[in-house]
C-alpha atoms as a PDB file:
ATOM      1  CA  MET A   1      89.547 166.880  92.872  1.00  0.00           C
ATOM      2  CA  ARG A   2      90.514 164.712  95.836  1.00  0.00           C
ATOM      3  CA  ILE A   3      92.161 161.355  95.210  1.00  0.00           C
ATOM      4  CA  GLY A   4      91.870 158.470  97.641  1.00  0.00           C
ATOM      5  CA  VAL A   5      93.168 154.914  97.879  1.00  0.00           C
ATOM      6  CA  ASN A   6      91.415 151.639  98.631  1.00  0.00           C
ATOM      7  CA  VAL A   7      93.705 149.860 101.113  1.00  0.00           C
ATOM      8  CA  PRO A   8      93.395 146.038 101.232  1.00  0.00           C
ATOM      9  CA  ASN A   9      92.351 145.059 104.756  1.00  0.00           C
ATOM     10  CA  PHE A  10      92.365 141.354 103.919  1.00  0.00           C
ATOM     11  CA  GLY A  11      94.542 138.581 102.521  1.00  0.00           C
ATOM     12  CA  PRO A  12      97.515 136.438 103.515  1.00  0.00           C
ATOM     13  CA  GLY A  13      99.993 139.316 103.565  1.00  0.00           C
ATOM     14  CA  THR A  14      97.878 141.637 105.688  1.00  0.00           C
ATOM     15  CA  ASN A  15      98.640 142.233 109.361  1.00  0.00           C
ATOM     16  CA  PRO A  16      98.658 145.244 111.696  1.00  0.00           C
ATOM     17  CA  ASP A  17     102.164 146.359 110.672  1.00  0.00           C
ATOM     18  CA  VAL A  18     101.323 146.162 106.967  1.00  0.00           C
ATOM     19  CA  LEU A  19      98.068 148.061 107.460  1.00  0.00           C
ATOM     20  CA  ARG A  20      99.895 150.804 109.349  1.00  0.00           C
ATOM     21  CA  SER A  21     102.523 150.958 106.587  1.00  0.00           C
ATOM     22  CA  TRP A  22      99.796 151.235 103.966  1.00  0.00           C
ATOM     23  CA  ALA A  23      98.135 154.112 105.795  1.00  0.00           C
ATOM     24  CA  GLN A  24     101.350 156.026 106.428  1.00  0.00           C
ATOM     25  CA  THR A  25     102.573 155.458 102.855  1.00  0.00           C
ATOM     26  CA  VAL A  26      99.323 156.694 101.343  1.00  0.00           C
ATOM     27  CA  GLU A  27      99.285 159.736 103.623  1.00  0.00           C
ATOM     28  CA  GLY A  28     102.961 160.397 102.962  1.00  0.00           C
ATOM     29  CA  LEU A  29     102.365 160.388  99.188  1.00  0.00           C
ATOM     30  CA  GLY A  30      99.829 163.169  99.648  1.00  0.00           C
ATOM     31  CA  TYR A  31      96.616 161.269  99.015  1.00  0.00           C
ATOM     32  CA  ASP A  32      93.435 162.677 100.505  1.00  0.00           C
ATOM     33  CA  LEU A  33      91.537 159.589 101.629  1.00  0.00           C
ATOM     34  CA  LEU A  34      92.164 155.954 102.606  1.00  0.00           C
ATOM     35  CA  MET A  35      89.297 153.487 102.486  1.00  0.00           C
ATOM     36  CA  VAL A  36      88.811 149.832 103.413  1.00  0.00           C
ATOM     37  CA  SER A  37      86.299 147.125 102.510  1.00  0.00           C
ATOM     38  CA  ASP A  38      83.738 145.198 104.557  1.00  0.00           C
ATOM     39  CA  HIS A  39      83.060 141.536 105.232  1.00  0.00           C
ATOM     40  CA  VAL A  40      82.056 140.007 108.536  1.00  0.00           C
ATOM     41  CA  ALA A  41      81.763 136.243 108.036  1.00  0.00           C
ATOM     42  CA  ILE A  42      84.424 134.926 105.662  1.00  0.00           C
ATOM     43  CA  THR A  43      82.224 132.303 104.052  1.00  0.00           C
ATOM     44  CA  PRO A  44      83.486 130.289 101.031  1.00  0.00           C
ATOM     45  CA  ASP A  45      82.057 132.746  98.495  1.00  0.00           C
ATOM     46  CA  VAL A  46      83.899 135.627 100.199  1.00  0.00           C
ATOM     47  CA  ALA A  47      87.120 133.682 100.774  1.00  0.00           C
ATOM     48  CA  LYS A  48      87.540 132.998  97.040  1.00  0.00           C
ATOM     49  CA  GLN A  49      88.182 136.694  96.466  1.00  0.00           C
ATOM     50  CA  TYR A  50      89.057 138.107  99.869  1.00  0.00           C
ATOM     51  CA  PRO A  51      90.604 135.422 102.089  1.00  0.00           C
ATOM     52  CA  ALA A  52      91.261 135.734 105.809  1.00  0.00           C
ATOM     53  CA  PRO A  53      92.463 137.535 107.719  1.00  0.00           C
ATOM     54  CA  PHE A  54      89.806 140.155 107.040  1.00  0.00           C
ATOM     55  CA  TYR A  55      89.993 143.149 109.371  1.00  0.00           C
ATOM     56  CA  GLU A  56      86.597 144.613 110.259  1.00  0.00           C
ATOM     57  CA  PRO A  57      86.367 148.144 108.815  1.00  0.00           C
ATOM     58  CA  PHE A  58      85.226 150.238 111.785  1.00  0.00           C
ATOM     59  CA  THR A  59      87.836 148.646 114.049  1.00  0.00           C
ATOM     60  CA  THR A  60      90.546 149.021 111.420  1.00  0.00           C
ATOM     61  CA  LEU A  61      89.733 152.632 110.606  1.00  0.00           C
ATOM     62  CA  ALA A  62      89.668 153.609 114.269  1.00  0.00           C
ATOM     63  CA  TRP A  63      93.166 152.195 114.653  1.00  0.00           C
ATOM     64  CA  LEU A  64      94.468 153.741 111.420  1.00  0.00           C
ATOM     65  CA  ALA A  65      93.022 157.134 112.372  1.00  0.00           C
ATOM     66  CA  GLY A  66      95.401 157.071 115.330  1.00  0.00           C
ATOM     67  CA  ALA A  67      98.323 156.099 113.074  1.00  0.00           C
ATOM     68  CA  THR A  68      97.749 159.087 110.744  1.00  0.00           C
ATOM     69  CA  THR A  69      97.188 162.791 111.177  1.00  0.00           C
ATOM     70  CA  ARG A  70      95.289 164.410 108.307  1.00  0.00           C
ATOM     71  CA  ILE A  71      94.129 161.859 105.740  1.00  0.00           C
ATOM     72  CA  GLY A  72      90.421 161.100 105.437  1.00  0.00           C
ATOM     73  CA  ILE A  73      89.167 157.606 106.260  1.00  0.00           C
ATOM     74  CA  GLY A  74      86.231 155.652 104.936  1.00  0.00           C
ATOM     75  CA  THR A  75      84.483 152.473 103.843  1.00  0.00           C
ATOM     76  CA  THR A  76      84.243 151.223 100.282  1.00  0.00           C
ATOM     77  CA  VAL A  77      81.786 149.848 100.951  1.00  0.00           C
ATOM     78  CA  LEU A  78      80.066 149.008 104.232  1.00  0.00           C
ATOM     79  CA  ILE A  79      77.409 146.325 103.649  1.00  0.00           C
ATOM     80  CA  VAL A  80      74.406 148.000 105.229  1.00  0.00           C
ATOM     81  CA  PRO A  81      72.166 144.940 105.901  1.00  0.00           C
ATOM     82  CA  TYR A  82      74.873 143.247 108.020  1.00  0.00           C
ATOM     83  CA  ARG A  83      74.493 145.520 111.073  1.00  0.00           C
ATOM     84  CA  HIS A  84      71.650 147.123 113.003  1.00  0.00           C
ATOM     85  CA  PRO A  85      71.274 150.697 111.721  1.00  0.00           C
ATOM     86  CA  LEU A  86      71.500 152.266 115.180  1.00  0.00           C
ATOM     87  CA  LEU A  87      74.781 150.440 115.742  1.00  0.00           C
ATOM     88  CA  VAL A  88      76.120 151.786 112.445  1.00  0.00           C
ATOM     89  CA  ALA A  89      74.879 155.272 113.316  1.00  0.00           C
ATOM     90  CA  ARG A  90      76.644 155.152 116.680  1.00  0.00           C
ATOM     91  CA  MET A  91      79.912 153.659 115.400  1.00  0.00           C
ATOM     92  CA  ALA A  92      80.122 156.040 112.459  1.00  0.00           C
ATOM     93  CA  ALA A  93      79.325 159.095 114.571  1.00  0.00           C
ATOM     94  CA  ASN A  94      81.863 158.116 117.228  1.00  0.00           C
ATOM     95  CA  LEU A  95      84.573 157.293 114.686  1.00  0.00           C
ATOM     96  CA  ASN A  96      84.016 160.595 112.932  1.00  0.00           C
ATOM     97  CA  ASP A  97      84.269 162.458 116.242  1.00  0.00           C
ATOM     98  CA  LEU A  98      87.359 160.562 117.416  1.00  0.00           C
ATOM     99  CA  SER A  99      89.142 161.102 114.098  1.00  0.00           C
ATOM    100  CA  GLY A 100      88.472 164.816 113.962  1.00  0.00           C
ATOM    101  CA  GLY A 101      85.734 164.705 111.330  1.00  0.00           C
ATOM    102  CA  ARG A 102      87.610 162.569 108.794  1.00  0.00           C
ATOM    103  CA  LEU A 103      85.056 159.821 108.046  1.00  0.00           C
ATOM    104  CA  VAL A 104      83.275 159.041 104.774  1.00  0.00           C
ATOM    105  CA  LEU A 105      80.653 156.270 104.997  1.00  0.00           C
ATOM    106  CA  GLY A 106      80.554 154.440 101.675  1.00  0.00           C
ATOM    107  CA  VAL A 107      77.693 151.928 101.619  1.00  0.00           C
ATOM    108  CA  GLY A 108      76.333 149.108  99.469  1.00  0.00           C
ATOM    109  CA  ILE A 109      73.786 146.299  99.499  1.00  0.00           C
ATOM    110  CA  GLY A 110      76.238 143.365  99.327  1.00  0.00           C
ATOM    111  CA  TRP A 111      76.585 140.338  97.058  1.00  0.00           C
ATOM    112  CA  ALA A 112      77.771 137.283  99.076  1.00  0.00           C
ATOM    113  CA  ARG A 113      74.728 135.042  99.554  1.00  0.00           C
ATOM    114  CA  GLN A 114      76.487 132.621 101.938  1.00  0.00           C
ATOM    115  CA  GLU A 115      77.639 135.488 104.133  1.00  0.00           C
ATOM    116  CA  PHE A 116      74.069 136.817 104.329  1.00  0.00           C
ATOM    117  CA  GLU A 117      72.918 133.362 105.417  1.00  0.00           C
ATOM    118  CA  ALA A 118      75.656 133.098 108.046  1.00  0.00           C
ATOM    119  CA  LEU A 119      74.598 136.452 109.503  1.00  0.00           C
ATOM    120  CA  GLY A 120      70.882 135.691 109.419  1.00  0.00           C
ATOM    121  CA  ALA A 121      70.273 138.524 106.966  1.00  0.00           C
ATOM    122  CA  ALA A 122      67.792 138.343 104.072  1.00  0.00           C
ATOM    123  CA  TYR A 123      69.720 138.222 100.802  1.00  0.00           C
ATOM    124  CA  GLU A 124      66.620 138.642  98.621  1.00  0.00           C
ATOM    125  CA  ARG A 125      65.520 141.748 100.537  1.00  0.00           C
ATOM    126  CA  ARG A 126      68.936 143.385 100.764  1.00  0.00           C
ATOM    127  CA  GLY A 127      68.019 146.384  98.598  1.00  0.00           C
ATOM    128  CA  LYS A 128      64.847 147.197 100.528  1.00  0.00           C
ATOM    129  CA  VAL A 129      66.601 146.635 103.868  1.00  0.00           C
ATOM    130  CA  THR A 130      69.431 148.933 102.813  1.00  0.00           C
ATOM    131  CA  ASP A 131      66.955 151.708 102.032  1.00  0.00           C
ATOM    132  CA  GLU A 132      65.207 151.238 105.381  1.00  0.00           C
ATOM    133  CA  TYR A 133      68.475 151.171 107.306  1.00  0.00           C
ATOM    134  CA  LEU A 134      69.897 154.250 105.571  1.00  0.00           C
ATOM    135  CA  ALA A 135      66.724 156.141 106.474  1.00  0.00           C
ATOM    136  CA  ALA A 136      67.105 154.986 110.079  1.00  0.00           C
ATOM    137  CA  ILE A 137      70.775 156.036 110.211  1.00  0.00           C
ATOM    138  CA  ARG A 138      69.940 159.485 108.922  1.00  0.00           C
ATOM    139  CA  ALA A 139      67.049 159.777 111.391  1.00  0.00           C
ATOM    140  CA  ALA A 140      69.351 158.839 114.281  1.00  0.00           C
ATOM    141  CA  TRP A 141      71.861 161.478 113.257  1.00  0.00           C
ATOM    142  CA  ALA A 142      69.145 164.079 112.822  1.00  0.00           C
ATOM    143  CA  ASP A 143      67.970 163.320 116.357  1.00  0.00           C
ATOM    144  CA  GLU A 144      71.401 164.417 117.618  1.00  0.00           C
ATOM    145  CA  GLY A 145      71.936 163.235 121.207  1.00  0.00           C
ATOM    146  CA  ASP A 146      74.264 160.240 121.344  1.00  0.00           C
ATOM    147  CA  TYR A 147      74.189 159.899 117.556  1.00  0.00           C
ATOM    148  CA  ARG A 148      75.597 163.299 116.632  1.00  0.00           C
ATOM    149  CA  SER A 149      77.488 162.599 113.401  1.00  0.00           C
ATOM    150  CA  GLY A 150      79.290 165.876 112.805  1.00  0.00           C
ATOM    151  CA  GLY A 151      78.180 165.635 109.175  1.00  0.00           C
ATOM    152  CA  VAL A 152      79.396 162.218 108.015  1.00  0.00           C
ATOM    153  CA  PRO A 153      78.896 162.082 104.227  1.00  0.00           C
ATOM    154  CA  ILE A 154      77.266 158.930 102.871  1.00  0.00           C
ATOM    155  CA  TRP A 155      78.436 157.629  99.496  1.00  0.00           C
ATOM    156  CA  VAL A 156      76.068 155.099  97.936  1.00  0.00           C
ATOM    157  CA  GLY A 157      77.409 152.430  95.605  1.00  0.00           C
ATOM    158  CA  GLY A 158      75.584 150.584  92.832  1.00  0.00           C
ATOM    159  CA  GLY A 159      74.784 151.104  89.184  1.00  0.00           C
ATOM    160  CA  SER A 160      71.342 149.553  88.801  1.00  0.00           C
ATOM    161  CA  GLU A 161      68.267 151.758  88.472  1.00  0.00           C
ATOM    162  CA  ALA A 162      67.468 151.028  92.118  1.00  0.00           C
ATOM    163  CA  GLY A 163      71.051 151.793  93.123  1.00  0.00           C
ATOM    164  CA  LEU A 164      71.023 155.134  91.327  1.00  0.00           C
ATOM    165  CA  ARG A 165      67.747 156.091  92.998  1.00  0.00           C
ATOM    166  CA  ARG A 166      69.203 155.048  96.346  1.00  0.00           C
ATOM    167  CA  ALA A 167      72.176 157.344  95.773  1.00  0.00           C
ATOM    168  CA  VAL A 168      69.887 160.263  94.933  1.00  0.00           C
ATOM    169  CA  ARG A 169      67.638 159.673  97.952  1.00  0.00           C
ATOM    170  CA  TYR A 170      70.211 158.883 100.643  1.00  0.00           C
ATOM    171  CA  GLY A 171      73.662 159.905  99.466  1.00  0.00           C
ATOM    172  CA  GLU A 172      75.865 162.949  99.387  1.00  0.00           C
ATOM    173  CA  GLY A 173      77.894 161.005  96.839  1.00  0.00           C
ATOM    174  CA  TRP A 174      77.506 158.280  94.218  1.00  0.00           C
ATOM    175  CA  HIS A 175      80.280 155.689  94.539  1.00  0.00           C
ATOM    176  CA  PRO A 176      80.363 153.183  91.657  1.00  0.00           C
ATOM    177  CA  LEU A 177      83.136 150.582  91.678  1.00  0.00           C
ATOM    178  CA  ARG A 178      85.699 149.606  89.001  1.00  0.00           C
ATOM    179  CA  ASN A 179      83.890 150.421  85.749  1.00  0.00           C
ATOM    180  CA  THR A 180      84.795 151.690  82.287  1.00  0.00           C
ATOM    181  CA  LEU A 181      84.638 155.369  81.417  1.00  0.00           C
ATOM    182  CA  PRO A 182      81.783 154.871  78.888  1.00  0.00           C
ATOM    183  CA  TRP A 183      79.795 153.083  81.607  1.00  0.00           C
ATOM    184  CA  LEU A 184      80.459 155.907  84.060  1.00  0.00           C
ATOM    185  CA  ARG A 185      79.429 158.582  81.568  1.00  0.00           C
ATOM    186  CA  GLU A 186      76.180 156.772  80.724  1.00  0.00           C
ATOM    187  CA  HIS A 187      75.175 156.064  84.318  1.00  0.00           C
ATOM    188  CA  TRP A 188      76.221 159.506  85.569  1.00  0.00           C
ATOM    189  CA  SER A 189      73.885 161.014  82.984  1.00  0.00           C
ATOM    190  CA  ARG A 190      71.067 158.733  84.133  1.00  0.00           C
ATOM    191  CA  LEU A 191      71.672 159.585  87.792  1.00  0.00           C
ATOM    192  CA  LYS A 192      71.291 163.285  86.995  1.00  0.00           C
ATOM    193  CA  GLU A 193      68.013 162.540  85.211  1.00  0.00           C
ATOM    194  CA  ILE A 194      66.736 160.667  88.272  1.00  0.00           C
ATOM    195  CA  ALA A 195      67.692 163.567  90.549  1.00  0.00           C
ATOM    196  CA  ALA A 196      65.735 165.949  88.317  1.00  0.00           C
ATOM    197  CA  GLU A 197      62.729 163.574  88.281  1.00  0.00           C
ATOM    198  CA  GLU A 198      62.707 163.417  92.071  1.00  0.00           C
ATOM    199  CA  GLY A 199      63.460 167.087  92.632  1.00  0.00           C
ATOM    200  CA  ARG A 200      66.561 166.306  94.657  1.00  0.00           C
ATOM    201  CA  PRO A 201      70.168 167.521  94.493  1.00  0.00           C
ATOM    202  CA  VAL A 202      72.583 165.550  92.342  1.00  0.00           C
ATOM    203  CA  PRO A 203      74.978 163.598  94.586  1.00  0.00           C
ATOM    204  CA  ALA A 204      78.684 164.197  94.094  1.00  0.00           C
ATOM    205  CA  LEU A 205      80.455 161.859  91.686  1.00  0.00           C
ATOM    206  CA  ALA A 206      82.982 159.814  93.689  1.00  0.00           C
ATOM    207  CA  PRO A 207      83.920 156.645  91.775  1.00  0.00           C
ATOM    208  CA  ARG A 208      86.375 153.948  92.803  1.00  0.00           C
ATOM    209  CA  ILE A 209      88.470 152.944  89.799  1.00  0.00           C
ATOM    210  CA  LEU A 210      91.098 150.299  89.208  1.00  0.00           C
ATOM    211  CA  LEU A 211      94.770 151.295  89.359  1.00  0.00           C
ATOM    212  CA  ARG A 212      96.807 149.029  87.098  1.00  0.00           C
ATOM    213  CA  ILE A 213      99.739 150.620  85.313  1.00  0.00           C
ATOM    214  CA  THR A 214     101.002 148.705  82.278  1.00  0.00           C
ATOM    215  CA  ASP A 215     103.916 149.239  79.887  1.00  0.00           C
ATOM    216  CA  ALA A 216     101.705 149.070  76.805  1.00  0.00           C
ATOM    217  CA  PRO A 217      98.117 150.239  76.279  1.00  0.00           C
ATOM    218  CA  PRO A 218      95.695 147.321  76.766  1.00  0.00           C
ATOM    219  CA  ALA A 219      93.172 146.617  74.002  1.00  0.00           C
ATOM    220  CA  GLU A 220      90.219 146.679  76.379  1.00  0.00           C
ATOM    221  CA  ARG A 221      90.407 148.379  79.724  1.00  0.00           C
ATOM    222  CA  ARG A 222      88.537 149.822  82.634  1.00  0.00           C
ATOM    223  CA  ALA A 223      89.125 153.309  83.952  1.00  0.00           C
ATOM    224  CA  GLY A 224      92.508 153.522  85.688  1.00  0.00           C
ATOM    225  CA  GLU A 225      94.028 150.667  83.711  1.00  0.00           C
ATOM    226  CA  GLY A 226      96.808 151.172  81.154  1.00  0.00           C
ATOM    227  CA  THR A 227      99.930 153.283  80.792  1.00  0.00           C
ATOM    228  CA  ILE A 228     100.590 156.056  83.272  1.00  0.00           C
ATOM    229  CA  GLU A 229      99.539 158.498  80.557  1.00  0.00           C
ATOM    230  CA  GLN A 230      96.208 156.706  80.155  1.00  0.00           C
ATOM    231  CA  VAL A 231      95.648 156.626  83.908  1.00  0.00           C
ATOM    232  CA  MET A 232      96.285 160.350  84.227  1.00  0.00           C
ATOM    233  CA  ALA A 233      94.028 161.033  81.225  1.00  0.00           C
ATOM    234  CA  ASP A 234      91.266 159.013  82.896  1.00  0.00           C
ATOM    235  CA  LEU A 235      91.614 161.086  86.047  1.00  0.00           C
ATOM    236  CA  GLU A 236      91.439 164.264  83.989  1.00  0.00           C
ATOM    237  CA  GLU A 237      88.309 163.031  82.203  1.00  0.00           C
ATOM    238  CA  LEU A 238      86.682 162.221  85.528  1.00  0.00           C
ATOM    239  CA  ARG A 239      87.555 165.715  86.716  1.00  0.00           C
ATOM    240  CA  GLY A 240      85.853 167.035  83.591  1.00  0.00           C
ATOM    241  CA  LEU A 241      82.749 164.993  84.380  1.00  0.00           C
ATOM    242  CA  GLY A 242      82.620 166.764  87.720  1.00  0.00           C
ATOM    243  CA  ALA A 243      84.078 164.105  90.014  1.00  0.00           C
ATOM    244  CA  GLU A 244      84.822 165.561  93.449  1.00  0.00           C
ATOM    245  CA  THR A 245      86.778 162.491  94.615  1.00  0.00           C
ATOM    246  CA  VAL A 246      88.257 159.476  92.822  1.00  0.00           C
ATOM    247  CA  VAL A 247      89.382 156.437  94.818  1.00  0.00           C
ATOM    248  CA  LEU A 248      92.194 154.360  93.281  1.00  0.00           C
ATOM    249  CA  ASP A 249      92.029 150.600  93.829  1.00  0.00           C
ATOM    250  CA  PRO A 250      95.463 148.967  93.346  1.00  0.00           C
ATOM    251  CA  PHE A 251      94.248 145.451  94.247  1.00  0.00           C
ATOM    252  CA  HIS A 252      93.671 143.419  91.097  1.00  0.00           C
ATOM    253  CA  THR A 253      92.501 139.823  91.626  1.00  0.00           C
ATOM    254  CA  ASP A 254      95.196 137.710  93.298  1.00  0.00           C
ATOM    255  CA  PRO A 255      95.206 137.620  97.130  1.00  0.00           C
ATOM    256  CA  ASP A 256      98.959 136.949  97.018  1.00  0.00           C
ATOM    257  CA  GLU A 257      99.341 140.589  95.963  1.00  0.00           C
ATOM    258  CA  THR A 258      98.852 141.446  99.624  1.00  0.00           C
ATOM    259  CA  ARG A 259     102.217 139.807 100.363  1.00  0.00           C
ATOM    260  CA  HIS A 260     103.963 142.394  98.176  1.00  0.00           C
ATOM    261  CA  PRO A 261     102.393 145.817  98.782  1.00  0.00           C
ATOM    262  CA  GLU A 262     105.495 147.554  97.404  1.00  0.00           C
ATOM    263  CA  ALA A 263     104.241 146.980  93.842  1.00  0.00           C
ATOM    264  CA  ALA A 264     101.033 148.878  94.617  1.00  0.00           C
ATOM    265  CA  TRP A 265     102.970 151.612  96.406  1.00  0.00           C
ATOM    266  CA  GLU A 266     105.135 152.131  93.304  1.00  0.00           C
ATOM    267  CA  MET A 267     102.042 152.654  91.151  1.00  0.00           C
ATOM    268  CA  LEU A 268     100.599 155.071  93.685  1.00  0.00           C
ATOM    269  CA  ALA A 269     103.911 156.947  93.814  1.00  0.00           C
ATOM    270  CA  ALA A 270     103.879 157.246  90.015  1.00  0.00           C
ATOM    271  CA  VAL A 271     100.405 158.808  90.052  1.00  0.00           C
ATOM    272  CA  ALA A 272     101.328 161.100  92.949  1.00  0.00           C
ATOM    273  CA  ALA A 273     104.413 162.319  91.071  1.00  0.00           C
ATOM    274  CA  ARG A 274     102.350 163.156  87.969  1.00  0.00           C
ATOM    275  CA  ARG A 275      99.671 164.763  90.097  1.00  0.00           C
ATOM    276  CA  GLY A 276     102.210 167.245  91.415  1.00  0.00           C
END
C-alpha cells in the first residue's frame, strides 16, 4: 500500500521555500505521493479555512516536480467546474509528461458558493458539470494528439450516492476525504454494489485521512487520529479493506499551523519510522 501526504499550499506560513522543504521532507521520509489542494479565487468563504497565499495546484506541482526526483504528485482535489475541461486535459497531460509520469489527478465538485460566483461557474449545477467535464477530459486524452496523457489516473472524491456513481463511471480511484473508519467501510461497500449494478470495474480505494497523533486515545475520532498505535492500526485496517493508497493529511483546522510545519513533519516521521 502506498502512503502519500497532503501538503498545505496555502496559509500565512506558506511560501516557495516552505513548499520546497515540505516536498523534500516528504520525499526524504520515503513517502510515495505528495498532493496539494485547489482554490482559485480566495473569497471570504474560502479564506475562513484556507487563507492567502493560496498557490494554484498545477503551477505548484510543476515547480515541486522539479524540486524532487521520484515522489508522485497530485491534486486532492482539483475542483473540476472551475476550469475548461480541455485546459485541464492539456495541463494534466503536460505535467504528467514533464514529471516523468508521476501525476495523479484527484477531482471533486467543490463547495465554496462565493468562489463559484466569482468565477462565473454554476454552483447548483456543479455535479452535472463535473460529470460532463470529466467525460470531456477523458475524450481529449483518448484522442491522443496534443492531449496525450500517458495514463494519468483520475481519483474521484465524494461520498454521496451521486459521488460514488461518479467514481465508478469516471475514476480509477475513489478518494474520500477525512472520514471515520465505519463511514469508509459502509460507503466502500456501497461503491462496490454500484460498480456491480453498472457492470463496471471497482475503482481503487484511495482515501485521504487525517493525521493527528495524540498522547491519549480520543473518545471520538476519525481515521488517522489518536495515538501512534491507533494511527498505524487504522492504516492496517485500510490495507485490509483493499486500499491501494492512503493520503495522510496533517493539517487540522488552524491556518497558523502553516507557520510551524515542523510539528507536522514530526508526526510524519513517526509514521514513517513505524512503517519501516
